[in-house]
Amino acid sequence: MELLQIAPPLIATLGAIHIAIIDIKQLRIPNKNLAITSFLVLITMAIMTLITGNLKPLLFAILGSLISLLLFLFVHAINPGGLGMGDVKFAGLLGLTMSWLAFPGALRGFLFAFAATTTFALMAMIFKGVKKKTLIPFAPFMVLGLLIVEFQYVVRLM
């Protein structure tokens, strides 16, 4: 039954990768793609909850999503130019997904995403002469954080 827990994150990962590609190309996260992926993930989580009879992962997922949304909204409020509302909403989806697997897994995933983004930005400034105000898509780094949490979950299953 543990293996069934991977179904919602697989759907989330496919949608998240697509969203990250759009963010790389357009520096935006389309609401439509985010809404469709979130809907599919929530429906899959509800089905898995009915199959397993275990409500705990769903409750942790919802809590993780809310906490992620609030934290990212706070960061956006402090620096709206540095973190867009698309990133805030995307954090809700990824917080939902990572917390489904391991609460508070979202914290690990987002810490990695911020660290990776900072490292990338510093390297780009040093080696490529990128300016401090240059916008960097955050979604790809958030997806890397998601993949790390998923990898840790799969390793624990083995």
N, C-alpha and C. Protein backbone atom coordinates (compact mmCIF):
# COMPACT_ATOMS: atom_id res chain seq x y z
N MET A 1 0.81 -1.19 0.00
CA MET A 1 0.00 0.00 0.00
C MET A 1 0.86 1.27 0.00
N GLU A 2 2.07 1.21 0.60
CA GLU A 2 2.96 2.38 0.62
C GLU A 2 3.25 2.87 -0.79
N LEU A 3 3.39 1.96 -1.73
CA LEU A 3 3.71 2.34 -3.09
C LEU A 3 2.60 3.19 -3.72
N LEU A 4 1.36 2.98 -3.30
CA LEU A 4 0.25 3.78 -3.82
C LEU A 4 0.40 5.26 -3.47
N GLN A 5 1.11 5.54 -2.40
CA GLN A 5 1.29 6.92 -1.96
C GLN A 5 2.05 7.74 -3.01
N ILE A 6 2.73 7.07 -3.93
CA ILE A 6 3.54 7.76 -4.93
C ILE A 6 2.68 8.30 -6.08
N ALA A 7 1.47 7.82 -6.25
CA ALA A 7 0.63 8.25 -7.38
C ALA A 7 0.42 9.76 -7.43
N PRO A 8 -0.03 10.41 -6.35
CA PRO A 8 -0.21 11.87 -6.44
C PRO A 8 1.08 12.64 -6.75
N PRO A 9 2.21 12.29 -6.12
CA PRO A 9 3.44 13.00 -6.46
C PRO A 9 3.89 12.80 -7.92
N LEU A 10 3.61 11.63 -8.48
CA LEU A 10 3.97 11.43 -9.89
C LEU A 10 3.20 12.39 -10.79
N ILE A 11 1.93 12.54 -10.52
CA ILE A 11 1.11 13.48 -11.30
C ILE A 11 1.61 14.90 -11.07
N ALA A 12 1.89 15.23 -9.82
CA ALA A 12 2.39 16.57 -9.49
C ALA A 12 3.72 16.85 -10.19
N THR A 13 4.59 15.86 -10.23
CA THR A 13 5.90 16.04 -10.84
C THR A 13 5.79 16.30 -12.33
N LEU A 14 4.94 15.54 -13.00
CA LEU A 14 4.75 15.76 -14.44
C LEU A 14 4.23 17.17 -14.71
N GLY A 15 3.23 17.58 -13.96
CA GLY A 15 2.69 18.93 -14.13
C GLY A 15 3.71 19.99 -13.75
N ALA A 16 4.46 19.75 -12.67
CA ALA A 16 5.45 20.72 -12.19
C ALA A 16 6.59 20.91 -13.20
N ILE A 17 7.01 19.84 -13.82
CA ILE A 17 8.08 19.95 -14.83
C ILE A 17 7.58 20.80 -16.01
N HIS A 18 6.35 20.55 -16.43
CA HIS A 18 5.77 21.34 -17.51
C HIS A 18 5.70 22.82 -17.12
N ILE A 19 5.27 23.09 -15.90
CA ILE A 19 5.18 24.47 -15.40
C ILE A 19 6.57 25.11 -15.33
N ALA A 20 7.56 24.35 -14.89
CA ALA A 20 8.93 24.88 -14.79
C ALA A 20 9.48 25.24 -16.17
N ILE A 21 9.17 24.43 -17.17
CA ILE A 21 9.62 24.74 -18.54
C ILE A 21 9.00 26.05 -19.02
N ILE A 22 7.73 26.23 -18.73
CA ILE A 22 7.06 27.49 -19.10
C ILE A 22 7.71 28.65 -18.36
N ASP A 23 8.02 28.47 -17.08
CA ASP A 23 8.65 29.53 -16.29
C ASP A 23 10.02 29.89 -16.87
N ILE A 24 10.78 28.90 -17.31
CA ILE A 24 12.08 29.16 -17.92
C ILE A 24 11.91 30.00 -19.19
N LYS A 25 10.94 29.64 -20.02
CA LYS A 25 10.75 30.32 -21.30
C LYS A 25 10.07 31.68 -21.18
N GLN A 26 9.09 31.79 -20.25
CA GLN A 26 8.26 32.99 -20.20
C GLN A 26 8.37 33.80 -18.90
N LEU A 27 9.09 33.28 -17.92
CA LEU A 27 9.20 33.92 -16.60
C LEU A 27 7.82 34.15 -15.98
N ARG A 28 6.97 33.15 -16.12
CA ARG A 28 5.64 33.21 -15.51
C ARG A 28 5.12 31.79 -15.33
N ILE A 29 4.18 31.66 -14.42
CA ILE A 29 3.53 30.37 -14.16
C ILE A 29 2.05 30.55 -14.46
N PRO A 30 1.58 29.93 -15.54
CA PRO A 30 0.18 30.11 -15.94
C PRO A 30 -0.80 29.50 -14.93
N ASN A 31 -1.81 30.27 -14.56
CA ASN A 31 -2.82 29.81 -13.61
C ASN A 31 -3.52 28.55 -14.11
N LYS A 32 -3.78 28.48 -15.41
CA LYS A 32 -4.50 27.34 -15.98
C LYS A 32 -3.74 26.03 -15.73
N ASN A 33 -2.45 26.02 -16.04
CA ASN A 33 -1.64 24.82 -15.83
C ASN A 33 -1.56 24.45 -14.35
N LEU A 34 -1.41 25.46 -13.54
CA LEU A 34 -1.32 25.25 -12.09
C LEU A 34 -2.63 24.69 -11.54
N ALA A 35 -3.75 25.24 -12.00
CA ALA A 35 -5.07 24.79 -11.53
C ALA A 35 -5.35 23.35 -11.95
N ILE A 36 -5.04 23.02 -13.19
CA ILE A 36 -5.29 21.65 -13.68
C ILE A 36 -4.44 20.65 -12.89
N THR A 37 -3.16 20.95 -12.74
CA THR A 37 -2.28 20.04 -12.00
C THR A 37 -2.74 19.90 -10.55
N SER A 38 -3.07 21.00 -9.92
CA SER A 38 -3.52 20.97 -8.51
C SER A 38 -4.79 20.14 -8.37
N PHE A 39 -5.72 20.32 -9.28
CA PHE A 39 -6.97 19.57 -9.26
C PHE A 39 -6.71 18.08 -9.39
N LEU A 40 -5.88 17.70 -10.36
CA LEU A 40 -5.57 16.27 -10.56
C LEU A 40 -4.88 15.66 -9.34
N VAL A 41 -3.97 16.42 -8.76
CA VAL A 41 -3.25 15.92 -7.58
C VAL A 41 -4.22 15.74 -6.40
N LEU A 42 -5.06 16.72 -6.17
CA LEU A 42 -6.03 16.63 -5.06
C LEU A 42 -7.01 15.47 -5.25
N ILE A 43 -7.49 15.28 -6.47
CA ILE A 43 -8.41 14.17 -6.75
C ILE A 43 -7.70 12.84 -6.51
N THR A 44 -6.46 12.74 -6.97
CA THR A 44 -5.69 11.50 -6.76
C THR A 44 -5.44 11.26 -5.28
N MET A 45 -5.16 12.30 -4.54
CA MET A 45 -4.96 12.16 -3.08
C MET A 45 -6.25 11.70 -2.41
N ALA A 46 -7.37 12.25 -2.84
CA ALA A 46 -8.65 11.84 -2.27
C ALA A 46 -8.93 10.36 -2.57
N ILE A 47 -8.64 9.93 -3.78
CA ILE A 47 -8.85 8.53 -4.15
C ILE A 47 -7.92 7.62 -3.34
N MET A 48 -6.66 8.02 -3.19
CA MET A 48 -5.71 7.21 -2.41
C MET A 48 -6.15 7.14 -0.95
N THR A 49 -6.71 8.23 -0.44
CA THR A 49 -7.21 8.25 0.94
C THR A 49 -8.37 7.27 1.09
N LEU A 50 -9.26 7.25 0.12
CA LEU A 50 -10.38 6.30 0.16
C LEU A 50 -9.90 4.85 0.06
N ILE A 51 -8.91 4.61 -0.79
CA ILE A 51 -8.39 3.24 -0.96
C ILE A 51 -7.70 2.76 0.30
N THR A 52 -6.85 3.61 0.88
CA THR A 52 -6.06 3.18 2.04
C THR A 52 -6.82 3.33 3.35
N GLY A 53 -7.81 4.21 3.39
CA GLY A 53 -8.53 4.47 4.62
C GLY A 53 -7.73 5.29 5.61
N ASN A 54 -6.59 5.83 5.16
CA ASN A 54 -5.72 6.61 6.03
C ASN A 54 -5.84 8.10 5.67
N LEU A 55 -6.43 8.86 6.54
CA LEU A 55 -6.68 10.28 6.31
C LEU A 55 -5.46 11.15 6.63
N LYS A 56 -4.53 10.61 7.41
CA LYS A 56 -3.39 11.38 7.90
C LYS A 56 -2.55 12.02 6.78
N PRO A 57 -2.16 11.29 5.73
CA PRO A 57 -1.36 11.94 4.68
C PRO A 57 -2.09 13.11 4.02
N LEU A 58 -3.39 12.98 3.82
CA LEU A 58 -4.15 14.06 3.20
C LEU A 58 -4.20 15.30 4.11
N LEU A 59 -4.40 15.08 5.40
CA LEU A 59 -4.42 16.20 6.34
C LEU A 59 -3.06 16.89 6.41
N PHE A 60 -1.99 16.10 6.45
CA PHE A 60 -0.64 16.68 6.45
C PHE A 60 -0.37 17.43 5.15
N ALA A 61 -0.85 16.89 4.04
CA ALA A 61 -0.65 17.53 2.74
C ALA A 61 -1.33 18.90 2.70
N ILE A 62 -2.56 18.95 3.17
CA ILE A 62 -3.30 20.21 3.17
C ILE A 62 -2.63 21.22 4.11
N LEU A 63 -2.21 20.76 5.27
CA LEU A 63 -1.50 21.63 6.21
C LEU A 63 -0.20 22.15 5.60
N GLY A 64 0.55 21.25 4.97
CA GLY A 64 1.81 21.65 4.32
C GLY A 64 1.57 22.65 3.20
N SER A 65 0.49 22.48 2.47
CA SER A 65 0.15 23.41 1.40
C SER A 65 -0.15 24.79 1.96
N LEU A 66 -0.96 24.83 3.01
CA LEU A 66 -1.32 26.12 3.63
C LEU A 66 -0.10 26.84 4.21
N ILE A 67 0.74 26.08 4.88
CA ILE A 67 1.95 26.68 5.46
C ILE A 67 2.85 27.21 4.35
N SER A 68 3.01 26.43 3.28
CA SER A 68 3.83 26.86 2.15
C SER A 68 3.28 28.13 1.52
N LEU A 69 1.98 28.15 1.29
CA LEU A 69 1.35 29.34 0.72
C LEU A 69 1.59 30.57 1.58
N LEU A 70 1.40 30.42 2.88
CA LEU A 70 1.58 31.56 3.79
C LEU A 70 3.03 32.04 3.84
N LEU A 71 3.96 31.10 3.89
CA LEU A 71 5.38 31.49 3.94
C LEU A 71 5.80 32.19 2.65
N PHE A 72 5.38 31.65 1.52
CA PHE A 72 5.75 32.26 0.25
C PHE A 72 5.03 33.59 0.05
N LEU A 73 3.82 33.70 0.54
CA LEU A 73 3.09 34.96 0.46
C LEU A 73 3.80 36.03 1.30
N PHE A 74 4.33 35.63 2.44
CA PHE A 74 5.09 36.53 3.29
C PHE A 74 6.34 37.02 2.56
N VAL A 75 7.08 36.10 1.92
CA VAL A 75 8.28 36.48 1.16
C VAL A 75 7.90 37.41 0.01
N HIS A 76 6.80 37.11 -0.66
CA HIS A 76 6.32 37.95 -1.76
C HIS A 76 5.97 39.36 -1.25
N ALA A 77 5.36 39.43 -0.09
CA ALA A 77 4.98 40.73 0.47
C ALA A 77 6.22 41.57 0.78
N ILE A 78 7.28 40.92 1.22
CA ILE A 78 8.53 41.63 1.53
C ILE A 78 9.23 42.09 0.25
N ASN A 79 9.22 41.23 -0.78
CA ASN A 79 9.94 41.53 -2.02
C ASN A 79 9.13 41.05 -3.22
N PRO A 80 8.09 41.81 -3.61
CA PRO A 80 7.23 41.38 -4.71
C PRO A 80 7.97 41.20 -6.04
N GLY A 81 9.05 41.95 -6.25
CA GLY A 81 9.81 41.82 -7.49
C GLY A 81 10.68 40.57 -7.51
N GLY A 82 10.97 40.03 -6.35
CA GLY A 82 11.86 38.87 -6.28
C GLY A 82 11.13 37.55 -6.35
N LEU A 83 9.88 37.54 -5.93
CA LEU A 83 9.10 36.30 -5.91
C LEU A 83 7.68 36.64 -6.36
N GLY A 84 7.29 36.11 -7.50
CA GLY A 84 5.99 36.43 -8.06
C GLY A 84 4.86 35.61 -7.44
N MET A 85 3.64 36.04 -7.72
CA MET A 85 2.47 35.32 -7.20
C MET A 85 2.35 33.92 -7.81
N GLY A 86 2.86 33.74 -9.01
CA GLY A 86 2.86 32.39 -9.59
C GLY A 86 3.70 31.44 -8.74
N ASP A 87 4.84 31.94 -8.27
CA ASP A 87 5.70 31.14 -7.39
C ASP A 87 4.99 30.83 -6.08
N VAL A 88 4.24 31.79 -5.57
CA VAL A 88 3.49 31.60 -4.32
C VAL A 88 2.48 30.47 -4.49
N LYS A 89 1.70 30.53 -5.58
CA LYS A 89 0.68 29.51 -5.83
C LYS A 89 1.33 28.16 -6.14
N PHE A 90 2.44 28.18 -6.84
CA PHE A 90 3.17 26.94 -7.15
C PHE A 90 3.68 26.30 -5.86
N ALA A 91 4.09 27.13 -4.91
CA ALA A 91 4.53 26.63 -3.60
C ALA A 91 3.40 25.88 -2.90
N GLY A 92 2.16 26.34 -3.09
CA GLY A 92 1.02 25.63 -2.51
C GLY A 92 0.90 24.22 -3.05
N LEU A 93 1.05 24.08 -4.37
CA LEU A 93 0.99 22.74 -4.99
C LEU A 93 2.14 21.87 -4.52
N LEU A 94 3.34 22.42 -4.53
CA LEU A 94 4.50 21.61 -4.14
C LEU A 94 4.49 21.31 -2.64
N GLY A 95 4.03 22.26 -1.85
CA GLY A 95 3.90 22.01 -0.40
C GLY A 95 2.90 20.89 -0.14
N LEU A 96 1.82 20.89 -0.89
CA LEU A 96 0.81 19.83 -0.81
C LEU A 96 1.45 18.47 -1.11
N THR A 97 2.19 18.43 -2.19
CA THR A 97 2.79 17.18 -2.67
C THR A 97 3.88 16.68 -1.74
N MET A 98 4.80 17.55 -1.37
CA MET A 98 5.91 17.12 -0.51
C MET A 98 5.42 16.72 0.88
N SER A 99 4.43 17.43 1.40
CA SER A 99 3.89 17.10 2.72
C SER A 99 3.07 15.82 2.69
N TRP A 100 2.53 15.46 1.56
CA TRP A 100 1.83 14.18 1.39
C TRP A 100 2.80 13.03 1.65
N LEU A 101 4.02 13.20 1.19
CA LEU A 101 5.03 12.14 1.35
C LEU A 101 5.69 12.15 2.72
N ALA A 102 6.02 13.33 3.19
CA ALA A 102 6.77 13.43 4.45
C ALA A 102 6.56 14.81 5.05
N PHE A 103 5.73 14.89 6.05
CA PHE A 103 5.52 16.18 6.71
C PHE A 103 6.61 16.36 7.75
N PRO A 104 7.33 17.43 7.80
CA PRO A 104 7.31 18.62 6.96
C PRO A 104 8.32 18.54 5.82
N GLY A 105 8.11 17.63 4.89
CA GLY A 105 8.99 17.46 3.75
C GLY A 105 9.13 18.70 2.90
N ALA A 106 8.08 19.51 2.87
CA ALA A 106 8.13 20.73 2.06
C ALA A 106 9.25 21.65 2.52
N LEU A 107 9.50 21.68 3.81
CA LEU A 107 10.55 22.53 4.34
C LEU A 107 11.90 22.17 3.73
N ARG A 108 12.22 20.87 3.70
CA ARG A 108 13.48 20.42 3.10
C ARG A 108 13.54 20.78 1.62
N GLY A 109 12.45 20.52 0.92
CA GLY A 109 12.42 20.80 -0.51
C GLY A 109 12.60 22.28 -0.82
N PHE A 110 11.92 23.13 -0.06
CA PHE A 110 12.01 24.57 -0.31
C PHE A 110 13.36 25.14 0.13
N LEU A 111 13.92 24.61 1.21
CA LEU A 111 15.26 25.05 1.62
C LEU A 111 16.27 24.74 0.53
N PHE A 112 16.16 23.54 -0.05
CA PHE A 112 17.05 23.20 -1.15
C PHE A 112 16.83 24.15 -2.33
N ALA A 113 15.57 24.44 -2.66
CA ALA A 113 15.26 25.31 -3.79
C ALA A 113 15.87 26.70 -3.60
N PHE A 114 15.72 27.26 -2.41
CA PHE A 114 16.29 28.59 -2.15
C PHE A 114 17.81 28.55 -2.21
N ALA A 115 18.42 27.51 -1.64
CA ALA A 115 19.88 27.38 -1.66
C ALA A 115 20.39 27.21 -3.09
N ALA A 116 19.72 26.38 -3.88
CA ALA A 116 20.14 26.16 -5.26
C ALA A 116 19.98 27.43 -6.09
N THR A 117 18.89 28.15 -5.89
CA THR A 117 18.68 29.39 -6.62
C THR A 117 19.74 30.43 -6.27
N THR A 118 20.04 30.54 -5.00
CA THR A 118 21.06 31.50 -4.56
C THR A 118 22.42 31.15 -5.15
N THR A 119 22.77 29.86 -5.12
CA THR A 119 24.04 29.41 -5.68
C THR A 119 24.10 29.71 -7.18
N PHE A 120 23.02 29.38 -7.88
CA PHE A 120 22.94 29.64 -9.32
C PHE A 120 23.10 31.13 -9.61
N ALA A 121 22.39 31.97 -8.87
CA ALA A 121 22.45 33.41 -9.10
C ALA A 121 23.85 33.96 -8.84
N LEU A 122 24.48 33.50 -7.77
CA LEU A 122 25.84 33.97 -7.47
C LEU A 122 26.82 33.54 -8.56
N MET A 123 26.70 32.31 -9.01
CA MET A 123 27.58 31.81 -10.08
C MET A 123 27.34 32.59 -11.37
N ALA A 124 26.09 32.87 -11.67
CA ALA A 124 25.76 33.63 -12.89
C ALA A 124 26.32 35.06 -12.79
N MET A 125 26.27 35.64 -11.61
CA MET A 125 26.81 36.99 -11.43
C MET A 125 28.33 36.99 -11.56
N ILE A 126 28.98 35.98 -10.99
CA ILE A 126 30.44 35.92 -11.00
C ILE A 126 30.97 35.56 -12.39
N PHE A 127 30.42 34.52 -12.99
CA PHE A 127 31.00 33.99 -14.23
C PHE A 127 30.35 34.50 -15.51
N LYS A 128 29.13 34.97 -15.43
CA LYS A 128 28.44 35.42 -16.65
C LYS A 128 28.15 36.92 -16.64
N GLY A 129 28.46 37.59 -15.55
CA GLY A 129 28.22 39.02 -15.47
C GLY A 129 26.74 39.40 -15.37
N VAL A 130 25.93 38.46 -14.92
CA VAL A 130 24.50 38.72 -14.76
C VAL A 130 24.31 39.76 -13.67
N LYS A 131 23.42 40.69 -13.90
CA LYS A 131 23.16 41.77 -12.93
C LYS A 131 22.27 41.27 -11.79
N LYS A 132 22.36 41.96 -10.68
CA LYS A 132 21.59 41.59 -9.48
C LYS A 132 20.08 41.63 -9.72
N LYS A 133 19.61 42.52 -10.56
CA LYS A 133 18.18 42.69 -10.82
C LYS A 133 17.64 41.73 -11.89
N THR A 134 18.50 40.89 -12.47
CA THR A 134 18.06 39.95 -13.50
C THR A 134 17.10 38.93 -12.89
N LEU A 135 15.98 38.72 -13.55
CA LEU A 135 14.99 37.75 -13.06
C LEU A 135 15.44 36.33 -13.38
N ILE A 136 15.33 35.48 -12.40
CA ILE A 136 15.68 34.06 -12.55
C ILE A 136 14.42 33.25 -12.26
N PRO A 137 14.04 32.37 -13.18
CA PRO A 137 12.85 31.55 -12.91
C PRO A 137 13.09 30.65 -11.70
N PHE A 138 12.16 30.68 -10.77
CA PHE A 138 12.31 29.93 -9.52
C PHE A 138 11.71 28.53 -9.61
N ALA A 139 10.72 28.35 -10.48
CA ALA A 139 10.02 27.06 -10.57
C ALA A 139 10.96 25.87 -10.81
N PRO A 140 11.96 25.99 -11.69
CA PRO A 140 12.84 24.82 -11.88
C PRO A 140 13.55 24.39 -10.60
N PHE A 141 13.94 25.35 -9.78
CA PHE A 141 14.62 25.03 -8.53
C PHE A 141 13.64 24.43 -7.52
N MET A 142 12.40 24.89 -7.57
CA MET A 142 11.36 24.31 -6.70
C MET A 142 11.09 22.87 -7.09
N VAL A 143 11.12 22.59 -8.40
CA VAL A 143 10.93 21.21 -8.87
C VAL A 143 12.08 20.33 -8.41
N LEU A 144 13.30 20.86 -8.43
CA LEU A 144 14.44 20.08 -7.91
C LEU A 144 14.23 19.73 -6.44
N GLY A 145 13.72 20.68 -5.66
CA GLY A 145 13.41 20.41 -4.26
C GLY A 145 12.37 19.31 -4.12
N LEU A 146 11.35 19.35 -4.97
CA LEU A 146 10.33 18.30 -4.98
C LEU A 146 10.95 16.94 -5.30
N LEU A 147 11.80 16.90 -6.30
CA LEU A 147 12.44 15.64 -6.69
C LEU A 147 13.32 15.07 -5.58
N ILE A 148 13.97 15.94 -4.84
CA ILE A 148 14.80 15.46 -3.72
C ILE A 148 13.93 14.83 -2.63
N VAL A 149 12.83 15.48 -2.29
CA VAL A 149 11.91 14.92 -1.28
C VAL A 149 11.34 13.59 -1.77
N GLU A 150 10.98 13.52 -3.05
CA GLU A 150 10.45 12.26 -3.60
C GLU A 150 11.52 11.17 -3.58
N PHE A 151 12.74 11.52 -3.93
CA PHE A 151 13.83 10.54 -3.91
C PHE A 151 14.05 10.01 -2.49
N GLN A 152 14.04 10.90 -1.51
CA GLN A 152 14.22 10.48 -0.12
C GLN A 152 13.10 9.54 0.30
N TYR A 153 11.89 9.81 -0.15
CA TYR A 153 10.75 8.96 0.19
C TYR A 153 10.91 7.57 -0.42
N VAL A 154 11.30 7.51 -1.69
CA VAL A 154 11.47 6.21 -2.36
C VAL A 154 12.60 5.42 -1.70
N VAL A 155 13.69 6.09 -1.35
CA VAL A 155 14.81 5.41 -0.69
C VAL A 155 14.35 4.81 0.65
N ARG A 156 13.53 5.54 1.38
CA ARG A 156 13.00 5.00 2.65
C ARG A 156 12.16 3.76 2.44
N LEU A 157 11.48 3.68 1.30
CA LEU A 157 10.63 2.51 1.02
C LEU A 157 11.45 1.26 0.75
N MET A 158 12.67 1.44 0.29
CA MET A 158 13.51 0.29 -0.09
C MET A 158 14.08 -0.43 1.11
